[in-house]
Structures are given as structure tokens and as C-alpha cells.
Amino acid sequence: MKNINNSSSNEITEVACPQCFKKVPWTEDSIYRPFCSKRCQMIDFGEWAMEKNTIPVEDPPDDWENFEE
């Protein structure tokens, strides 16, 4: 993240779009933040839906069937 202004009262933070890396101001006017556009948002969503993006998890224990709370 990068601050556009140096004054403490009017700081606007910029973030890089996760898809195209274009700088996006982190304000209420940036409705697709952290993405720069609906297009980049939908590309990211499609990658998750097609399981190109995943969150790694540990495999369950071998004795999962015998688990009791």
C-alpha cells in the first residue's frame, strides 16, 4: 500500500490491483477495491471458481472416521 498524500488529515491509501497491478485508491468511490475494475474482479472470481486459486489446508487425520467430540 502507498499513501498518495503526506498530510495526516487527507491521506489516501493506494493498493495494487491483484490482477493487473494498476494502482487503486482505497476510497469509498473505488467500488471494486482492491480491484481496479469489474473485469479484474470477475477474472479473479473465475480463477477461484475454476480452482486455479486455492487455499492450502492440511489433510484430515487418518483416523477421521473415529473422531468424537
PDB file of N, CA and C in Angstrom:
ATOM      1  N   MET A   1       0.836  -1.167   0.000  1.00  0.00           N
ATOM      2  CA  MET A   1       0.000   0.000   0.000  1.00  0.00           C
ATOM      3  C   MET A   1       0.885   1.236   0.000  1.00  0.00           C
ATOM      4  N   LYS A   2       0.368   2.282  -0.574  1.00  0.00           N
ATOM      5  CA  LYS A   2       1.123   3.522  -0.669  1.00  0.00           C
ATOM      6  C   LYS A   2       0.188   4.688  -0.387  1.00  0.00           C
ATOM      7  N   ASN A   3       0.648   5.630   0.411  1.00  0.00           N
ATOM      8  CA  ASN A   3      -0.139   6.829   0.667  1.00  0.00           C
ATOM      9  C   ASN A   3       0.118   7.839  -0.432  1.00  0.00           C
ATOM     10  N   ILE A   4      -0.955   8.430  -0.982  1.00  0.00           N
ATOM     11  CA  ILE A   4      -0.821   9.429  -2.039  1.00  0.00           C
ATOM     12  C   ILE A   4      -0.387  10.761  -1.442  1.00  0.00           C
ATOM     13  N   ASN A   5      -0.999  11.178  -0.353  1.00  0.00           N
ATOM     14  CA  ASN A   5      -0.698  12.462   0.275  1.00  0.00           C
ATOM     15  C   ASN A   5       0.129  12.231   1.529  1.00  0.00           C
ATOM     16  N   ASN A   6       0.976  13.204   1.849  1.00  0.00           N
ATOM     17  CA  ASN A   6       1.792  13.102   3.048  1.00  0.00           C
ATOM     18  C   ASN A   6       1.124  13.718   4.266  1.00  0.00           C
ATOM     19  N   SER A   7       0.108  14.557   4.080  1.00  0.00           N
ATOM     20  CA  SER A   7      -0.554  15.171   5.228  1.00  0.00           C
ATOM     21  C   SER A   7      -1.412  14.146   5.941  1.00  0.00           C
ATOM     22  N   SER A   8      -1.364  14.159   7.266  1.00  0.00           N
ATOM     23  CA  SER A   8      -2.051  13.131   8.043  1.00  0.00           C
ATOM     24  C   SER A   8      -3.566  13.225   7.950  1.00  0.00           C
ATOM     25  N   SER A   9      -4.133  14.395   7.684  1.00  0.00           N
ATOM     26  CA  SER A   9      -5.582  14.537   7.658  1.00  0.00           C
ATOM     27  C   SER A   9      -6.204  14.111   6.334  1.00  0.00           C
ATOM     28  N   ASN A  10      -5.450  14.136   5.233  1.00  0.00           N
ATOM     29  CA  ASN A  10      -6.007  13.826   3.923  1.00  0.00           C
ATOM     30  C   ASN A  10      -5.305  12.636   3.257  1.00  0.00           C
ATOM     31  N   GLU A  11      -4.864  11.680   4.037  1.00  0.00           N
ATOM     32  CA  GLU A  11      -4.152  10.548   3.452  1.00  0.00           C
ATOM     33  C   GLU A  11      -5.097   9.646   2.673  1.00  0.00           C
ATOM     34  N   ILE A  12      -4.704   9.313   1.466  1.00  0.00           N
ATOM     35  CA  ILE A  12      -5.442   8.347   0.659  1.00  0.00           C
ATOM     36  C   ILE A  12      -4.480   7.205   0.368  1.00  0.00           C
ATOM     37  N   THR A  13      -4.878   6.010   0.709  1.00  0.00           N
ATOM     38  CA  THR A  13      -4.033   4.853   0.505  1.00  0.00           C
ATOM     39  C   THR A  13      -4.288   4.276  -0.874  1.00  0.00           C
ATOM     40  N   GLU A  14      -3.232   3.862  -1.533  1.00  0.00           N
ATOM     41  CA  GLU A  14      -3.317   3.192  -2.828  1.00  0.00           C
ATOM     42  C   GLU A  14      -2.902   1.739  -2.665  1.00  0.00           C
ATOM     43  N   VAL A  15      -3.602   0.860  -3.347  1.00  0.00           N
ATOM     44  CA  VAL A  15      -3.229  -0.550  -3.375  1.00  0.00           C
ATOM     45  C   VAL A  15      -3.100  -0.983  -4.829  1.00  0.00           C
ATOM     46  N   ALA A  16      -2.350  -2.035  -5.060  1.00  0.00           N
ATOM     47  CA  ALA A  16      -2.207  -2.570  -6.408  1.00  0.00           C
ATOM     48  C   ALA A  16      -3.326  -3.574  -6.669  1.00  0.00           C
ATOM     49  N   CYS A  17      -3.968  -3.465  -7.819  1.00  0.00           N
ATOM     50  CA  CYS A  17      -4.997  -4.428  -8.219  1.00  0.00           C
ATOM     51  C   CYS A  17      -4.349  -5.811  -8.255  1.00  0.00           C
ATOM     52  N   PRO A  18      -4.952  -6.818  -7.619  1.00  0.00           N
ATOM     53  CA  PRO A  18      -4.358  -8.152  -7.597  1.00  0.00           C
ATOM     54  C   PRO A  18      -4.235  -8.802  -8.985  1.00  0.00           C
ATOM     55  N   GLN A  19      -4.996  -8.333  -9.965  1.00  0.00           N
ATOM     56  CA  GLN A  19      -4.947  -8.921 -11.301  1.00  0.00           C
ATOM     57  C   GLN A  19      -3.967  -8.210 -12.219  1.00  0.00           C
ATOM     58  N   CYS A  20      -4.114  -6.895 -12.370  1.00  0.00           N
ATOM     59  CA  CYS A  20      -3.312  -6.158 -13.362  1.00  0.00           C
ATOM     60  C   CYS A  20      -2.267  -5.246 -12.723  1.00  0.00           C
ATOM     61  N   PHE A  21      -2.287  -5.134 -11.393  1.00  0.00           N
ATOM     62  CA  PHE A  21      -1.327  -4.346 -10.611  1.00  0.00           C
ATOM     63  C   PHE A  21      -1.444  -2.835 -10.807  1.00  0.00           C
ATOM     64  N   LYS A  22      -2.537  -2.381 -11.436  1.00  0.00           N
ATOM     65  CA  LYS A  22      -2.806  -0.941 -11.555  1.00  0.00           C
ATOM     66  C   LYS A  22      -3.082  -0.389 -10.156  1.00  0.00           C
ATOM     67  N   LYS A  23      -2.641   0.826  -9.876  1.00  0.00           N
ATOM     68  CA  LYS A  23      -2.854   1.452  -8.573  1.00  0.00           C
ATOM     69  C   LYS A  23      -4.323   1.839  -8.414  1.00  0.00           C
ATOM     70  N   VAL A  24      -4.895   1.503  -7.252  1.00  0.00           N
ATOM     71  CA  VAL A  24      -6.304   1.768  -6.958  1.00  0.00           C
ATOM     72  C   VAL A  24      -6.383   2.553  -5.650  1.00  0.00           C
ATOM     73  N   PRO A  25      -7.027   3.723  -5.657  1.00  0.00           N
ATOM     74  CA  PRO A  25      -7.186   4.443  -4.380  1.00  0.00           C
ATOM     75  C   PRO A  25      -8.159   3.693  -3.477  1.00  0.00           C
ATOM     76  N   TRP A  26      -7.805   3.562  -2.203  1.00  0.00           N
ATOM     77  CA  TRP A  26      -8.646   2.845  -1.247  1.00  0.00           C
ATOM     78  C   TRP A  26      -9.641   3.840  -0.654  1.00  0.00           C
ATOM     79  N   THR A  27     -10.699   4.119  -1.432  1.00  0.00           N
ATOM     80  CA  THR A  27     -11.748   5.045  -1.005  1.00  0.00           C
ATOM     81  C   THR A  27     -13.107   4.418  -1.277  1.00  0.00           C
ATOM     82  N   GLU A  28     -14.143   5.011  -0.731  1.00  0.00           N
ATOM     83  CA  GLU A  28     -15.497   4.509  -0.965  1.00  0.00           C
ATOM     84  C   GLU A  28     -15.895   4.629  -2.429  1.00  0.00           C
ATOM     85  N   ASP A  29     -15.270   5.526  -3.171  1.00  0.00           N
ATOM     86  CA  ASP A  29     -15.565   5.689  -4.596  1.00  0.00           C
ATOM     87  C   ASP A  29     -15.031   4.530  -5.433  1.00  0.00           C
ATOM     88  N   SER A  30     -14.070   3.793  -4.911  1.00  0.00           N
ATOM     89  CA  SER A  30     -13.491   2.644  -5.627  1.00  0.00           C
ATOM     90  C   SER A  30     -14.315   1.410  -5.283  1.00  0.00           C
ATOM     91  N   ILE A  31     -15.424   1.231  -5.993  1.00  0.00           N
ATOM     92  CA  ILE A  31     -16.396   0.197  -5.608  1.00  0.00           C
ATOM     93  C   ILE A  31     -15.896  -1.222  -5.827  1.00  0.00           C
ATOM     94  N   TYR A  32     -14.869  -1.417  -6.642  1.00  0.00           N
ATOM     95  CA  TYR A  32     -14.362  -2.764  -6.888  1.00  0.00           C
ATOM     96  C   TYR A  32     -13.090  -3.064  -6.097  1.00  0.00           C
ATOM     97  N   ARG A  33     -12.696  -2.171  -5.201  1.00  0.00           N
ATOM     98  CA  ARG A  33     -11.442  -2.352  -4.486  1.00  0.00           C
ATOM     99  C   ARG A  33     -11.387  -3.699  -3.793  1.00  0.00           C
ATOM    100  N   PRO A  34     -10.302  -4.390  -3.785  1.00  0.00           N
ATOM    101  CA  PRO A  34      -8.975  -3.958  -4.195  1.00  0.00           C
ATOM    102  C   PRO A  34      -8.740  -4.036  -5.702  1.00  0.00           C
ATOM    103  N   PHE A  35      -9.748  -4.408  -6.452  1.00  0.00           N
ATOM    104  CA  PHE A  35      -9.598  -4.498  -7.913  1.00  0.00           C
ATOM    105  C   PHE A  35      -9.829  -3.129  -8.537  1.00  0.00           C
ATOM    106  N   CYS A  36      -9.259  -2.917  -9.720  1.00  0.00           N
ATOM    107  CA  CYS A  36      -9.413  -1.625 -10.392  1.00  0.00           C
ATOM    108  C   CYS A  36     -10.719  -1.557 -11.171  1.00  0.00           C
ATOM    109  N   SER A  37     -11.295  -2.715 -11.518  1.00  0.00           N
ATOM    110  CA  SER A  37     -12.499  -2.719 -12.353  1.00  0.00           C
ATOM    111  C   SER A  37     -13.296  -3.997 -12.137  1.00  0.00           C
ATOM    112  N   LYS A  38     -14.509  -3.994 -12.644  1.00  0.00           N
ATOM    113  CA  LYS A  38     -15.354  -5.186 -12.597  1.00  0.00           C
ATOM    114  C   LYS A  38     -14.694  -6.331 -13.368  1.00  0.00           C
ATOM    115  N   ARG A  39     -14.022  -5.996 -14.475  1.00  0.00           N
ATOM    116  CA  ARG A  39     -13.346  -7.009 -15.293  1.00  0.00           C
ATOM    117  C   ARG A  39     -12.305  -7.774 -14.463  1.00  0.00           C
ATOM    118  N   CYS A  40     -11.434  -7.045 -13.772  1.00  0.00           N
ATOM    119  CA  CYS A  40     -10.407  -7.702 -12.958  1.00  0.00           C
ATOM    120  C   CYS A  40     -11.039  -8.492 -11.809  1.00  0.00           C
ATOM    121  N   GLN A  41     -12.106  -7.969 -11.240  1.00  0.00           N
ATOM    122  CA  GLN A  41     -12.811  -8.680 -10.174  1.00  0.00           C
ATOM    123  C   GLN A  41     -13.366 -10.011 -10.686  1.00  0.00           C
ATOM    124  N   MET A  42     -13.963  -9.996 -11.874  1.00  0.00           N
ATOM    125  CA  MET A  42     -14.557 -11.208 -12.427  1.00  0.00           C
ATOM    126  C   MET A  42     -13.499 -12.219 -12.878  1.00  0.00           C
ATOM    127  N   ILE A  43     -12.365 -11.734 -13.372  1.00  0.00           N
ATOM    128  CA  ILE A  43     -11.274 -12.647 -13.725  1.00  0.00           C
ATOM    129  C   ILE A  43     -10.827 -13.395 -12.472  1.00  0.00           C
ATOM    130  N   ASP A  44     -10.653 -12.664 -11.360  1.00  0.00           N
ATOM    131  CA  ASP A  44     -10.249 -13.288 -10.099  1.00  0.00           C
ATOM    132  C   ASP A  44     -11.298 -14.284  -9.622  1.00  0.00           C
ATOM    133  N   PHE A  45     -12.557 -13.894  -9.682  1.00  0.00           N
ATOM    134  CA  PHE A  45     -13.640 -14.789  -9.273  1.00  0.00           C
ATOM    135  C   PHE A  45     -13.633 -16.070 -10.109  1.00  0.00           C
ATOM    136  N   GLY A  46     -13.427 -15.927 -11.424  1.00  0.00           N
ATOM    137  CA  GLY A  46     -13.372 -17.093 -12.304  1.00  0.00           C
ATOM    138  C   GLY A  46     -12.225 -18.015 -11.973  1.00  0.00           C
ATOM    139  N   GLU A  47     -11.082 -17.453 -11.585  1.00  0.00           N
ATOM    140  CA  GLU A  47      -9.943 -18.286 -11.215  1.00  0.00           C
ATOM    141  C   GLU A  47     -10.235 -19.098  -9.958  1.00  0.00           C
ATOM    142  N   TRP A  48     -10.935 -18.494  -9.004  1.00  0.00           N
ATOM    143  CA  TRP A  48     -11.331 -19.235  -7.806  1.00  0.00           C
ATOM    144  C   TRP A  48     -12.367 -20.300  -8.161  1.00  0.00           C
ATOM    145  N   ALA A  49     -13.330 -19.959  -9.009  1.00  0.00           N
ATOM    146  CA  ALA A  49     -14.381 -20.905  -9.385  1.00  0.00           C
ATOM    147  C   ALA A  49     -13.815 -22.096 -10.151  1.00  0.00           C
ATOM    148  N   MET A  50     -12.784 -21.863 -10.969  1.00  0.00           N
ATOM    149  CA  MET A  50     -12.158 -22.945 -11.736  1.00  0.00           C
ATOM    150  C   MET A  50     -11.079 -23.670 -10.913  1.00  0.00           C
ATOM    151  N   GLU A  51     -10.938 -23.273  -9.640  1.00  0.00           N
ATOM    152  CA  GLU A  51      -9.972 -23.842  -8.705  1.00  0.00           C
ATOM    153  C   GLU A  51      -8.525 -23.661  -9.155  1.00  0.00           C
ATOM    154  N   LYS A  52      -8.268 -22.565  -9.899  1.00  0.00           N
ATOM    155  CA  LYS A  52      -6.883 -22.207 -10.205  1.00  0.00           C
ATOM    156  C   LYS A  52      -6.243 -21.587  -8.971  1.00  0.00           C
ATOM    157  N   ASN A  53      -7.044 -20.924  -8.150  1.00  0.00           N
ATOM    158  CA  ASN A  53      -6.601 -20.382  -6.867  1.00  0.00           C
ATOM    159  C   ASN A  53      -7.179 -21.270  -5.772  1.00  0.00           C
ATOM    160  N   THR A  54      -6.378 -21.601  -4.812  1.00  0.00           N
ATOM    161  CA  THR A  54      -6.851 -22.390  -3.678  1.00  0.00           C
ATOM    162  C   THR A  54      -6.140 -21.928  -2.420  1.00  0.00           C
ATOM    163  N   ILE A  55      -6.715 -22.257  -1.293  1.00  0.00           N
ATOM    164  CA  ILE A  55      -6.081 -22.008  -0.003  1.00  0.00           C
ATOM    165  C   ILE A  55      -5.611 -23.360   0.502  1.00  0.00           C
ATOM    166  N   PRO A  56      -4.309 -23.523   0.733  1.00  0.00           N
ATOM    167  CA  PRO A  56      -3.809 -24.816   1.172  1.00  0.00           C
ATOM    168  C   PRO A  56      -4.350 -25.185   2.552  1.00  0.00           C
ATOM    169  N   VAL A  57      -4.708 -26.434   2.718  1.00  0.00           N
ATOM    170  CA  VAL A  57      -5.183 -26.937   4.006  1.00  0.00           C
ATOM    171  C   VAL A  57      -4.467 -28.248   4.295  1.00  0.00           C
ATOM    172  N   GLU A  58      -4.433 -28.594   5.554  1.00  0.00           N
ATOM    173  CA  GLU A  58      -3.838 -29.868   5.934  1.00  0.00           C
ATOM    174  C   GLU A  58      -4.846 -30.983   5.681  1.00  0.00           C
ATOM    175  N   ASP A  59      -4.344 -32.140   5.317  1.00  0.00           N
ATOM    176  CA  ASP A  59      -5.211 -33.303   5.139  1.00  0.00           C
ATOM    177  C   ASP A  59      -5.764 -33.721   6.503  1.00  0.00           C
ATOM    178  N   PRO A  60      -6.992 -34.232   6.525  1.00  0.00           N
ATOM    179  CA  PRO A  60      -7.551 -34.683   7.810  1.00  0.00           C
ATOM    180  C   PRO A  60      -6.755 -35.886   8.330  1.00  0.00           C
ATOM    181  N   PRO A  61      -6.791 -36.106   9.628  1.00  0.00           N
ATOM    182  CA  PRO A  61      -6.063 -37.260  10.181  1.00  0.00           C
ATOM    183  C   PRO A  61      -6.592 -38.571   9.609  1.00  0.00           C
ATOM    184  N   ASP A  62      -5.744 -39.594   9.608  1.00  0.00           N
ATOM    185  CA  ASP A  62      -6.123 -40.900   9.059  1.00  0.00           C
ATOM    186  C   ASP A  62      -7.292 -41.528   9.809  1.00  0.00           C
ATOM    187  N   ASP A  63      -7.402 -41.257  11.091  1.00  0.00           N
ATOM    188  CA  ASP A  63      -8.485 -41.868  11.874  1.00  0.00           C
ATOM    189  C   ASP A  63      -9.691 -40.937  12.004  1.00  0.00           C
ATOM    190  N   TRP A  64      -9.976 -40.156  10.983  1.00  0.00           N
ATOM    191  CA  TRP A  64     -11.073 -39.191  10.997  1.00  0.00           C
ATOM    192  C   TRP A  64     -12.421 -39.863  11.260  1.00  0.00           C
ATOM    193  N   GLU A  65     -12.583 -41.094  10.746  1.00  0.00           N
ATOM    194  CA  GLU A  65     -13.864 -41.800  10.940  1.00  0.00           C
ATOM    195  C   GLU A  65     -14.156 -42.039  12.412  1.00  0.00           C
ATOM    196  N   ASN A  66     -13.130 -42.170  13.228  1.00  0.00           N
ATOM    197  CA  ASN A  66     -13.295 -42.486  14.667  1.00  0.00           C
ATOM    198  C   ASN A  66     -13.320 -41.233  15.532  1.00  0.00           C
ATOM    199  N   PHE A  67     -13.390 -40.067  14.912  1.00  0.00           N
ATOM    200  CA  PHE A  67     -13.352 -38.819  15.677  1.00  0.00           C
ATOM    201  C   PHE A  67     -14.638 -38.645  16.462  1.00  0.00           C
ATOM    202  N   GLU A  68     -14.497 -38.281  17.752  1.00  0.00           N
ATOM    203  CA  GLU A  68     -15.644 -37.986  18.602  1.00  0.00           C
ATOM    204  C   GLU A  68     -15.431 -36.639  19.247  1.00  0.00           C
ATOM    205  N   GLU A  69     -16.495 -35.877  19.401  1.00  0.00           N
ATOM    206  CA  GLU A  69     -16.386 -34.563  20.048  1.00  0.00           C
ATOM    207  C   GLU A  69     -16.419 -34.687  21.531  1.00  0.00           C
TER     208      GLU A  69
END
